[in-house]
């Protein structure tokens, strides 16, 4: 990973990527909690 200056375009891409990863992690977490609640009964 090079320590180059990040252009506004790159930071936009990084933010978009971070949002996508965060939403995927959130969906997985919600699905896991839901499964635990359903199986826990």
C-alpha atoms as a PDB file:
ATOM      1  CA  UNK A   1       0.000   0.000   0.000  1.00  0.00           C
ATOM      2  CA  UNK A   2       1.537   3.248  -1.140  1.00  0.00           C
ATOM      3  CA  UNK A   3       1.312   6.377   0.961  1.00  0.00           C
ATOM      4  CA  UNK A   4       0.221   8.576  -1.938  1.00  0.00           C
ATOM      5  CA  UNK A   5      -1.944  11.660  -1.564  1.00  0.00           C
ATOM      6  CA  UNK A   6      -5.598  10.696  -1.718  1.00  0.00           C
ATOM      7  CA  UNK A   7      -7.555  12.704  -4.239  1.00  0.00           C
ATOM      8  CA  UNK A   8     -11.198  13.654  -3.564  1.00  0.00           C
ATOM      9  CA  UNK A   9     -12.213  10.961  -6.065  1.00  0.00           C
ATOM     10  CA  UNK A  10     -10.293   8.293  -4.144  1.00  0.00           C
ATOM     11  CA  UNK A  11     -11.703   9.384  -0.791  1.00  0.00           C
ATOM     12  CA  UNK A  12     -15.217   9.230  -2.275  1.00  0.00           C
ATOM     13  CA  UNK A  13     -14.493   5.663  -3.392  1.00  0.00           C
ATOM     14  CA  UNK A  14     -13.087   4.813   0.035  1.00  0.00           C
ATOM     15  CA  UNK A  15     -16.159   6.228   1.803  1.00  0.00           C
ATOM     16  CA  UNK A  16     -18.447   4.302  -0.561  1.00  0.00           C
ATOM     17  CA  UNK A  17     -16.479   1.110   0.073  1.00  0.00           C
ATOM     18  CA  UNK A  18     -16.576   1.675   3.827  1.00  0.00           C
ATOM     19  CA  UNK A  19     -20.365   2.215   3.701  1.00  0.00           C
ATOM     20  CA  UNK A  20     -20.851  -0.971   1.671  1.00  0.00           C
ATOM     21  CA  UNK A  21     -18.698  -3.002   4.078  1.00  0.00           C
ATOM     22  CA  UNK A  22     -20.460  -1.492   7.087  1.00  0.00           C
ATOM     23  CA  UNK A  23     -23.916  -2.257   5.695  1.00  0.00           C
ATOM     24  CA  UNK A  24     -22.888  -5.838   4.879  1.00  0.00           C
ATOM     25  CA  UNK A  25     -21.523  -6.277   8.419  1.00  0.00           C
ATOM     26  CA  UNK A  26     -24.745  -4.779   9.823  1.00  0.00           C
ATOM     27  CA  UNK A  27     -26.899  -7.178   7.793  1.00  0.00           C
ATOM     28  CA  UNK A  28     -24.808 -10.129   8.990  1.00  0.00           C
ATOM     29  CA  UNK A  29     -25.055  -8.951  12.608  1.00  0.00           C
ATOM     30  CA  UNK A  30     -28.830  -8.448  12.378  1.00  0.00           C
ATOM     31  CA  UNK A  31     -29.265 -11.850  10.739  1.00  0.00           C
ATOM     32  CA  UNK A  32     -27.151 -13.479  13.460  1.00  0.00           C
ATOM     33  CA  UNK A  33     -29.125 -11.810  16.267  1.00  0.00           C
ATOM     34  CA  UNK A  34     -32.413 -12.739  14.591  1.00  0.00           C
ATOM     35  CA  UNK A  35     -31.276 -16.351  14.230  1.00  0.00           C
ATOM     36  CA  UNK A  36     -30.199 -16.496  17.871  1.00  0.00           C
ATOM     37  CA  UNK A  37     -33.567 -15.099  18.971  1.00  0.00           C
ATOM     38  CA  UNK A  38     -35.509 -17.587  16.838  1.00  0.00           C
ATOM     39  CA  UNK A  39     -33.373 -20.587  17.810  1.00  0.00           C
ATOM     40  CA  UNK A  40     -33.181 -19.509  21.452  1.00  0.00           C
ATOM     41  CA  UNK A  41     -36.906 -20.133  22.005  1.00  0.00           C
END
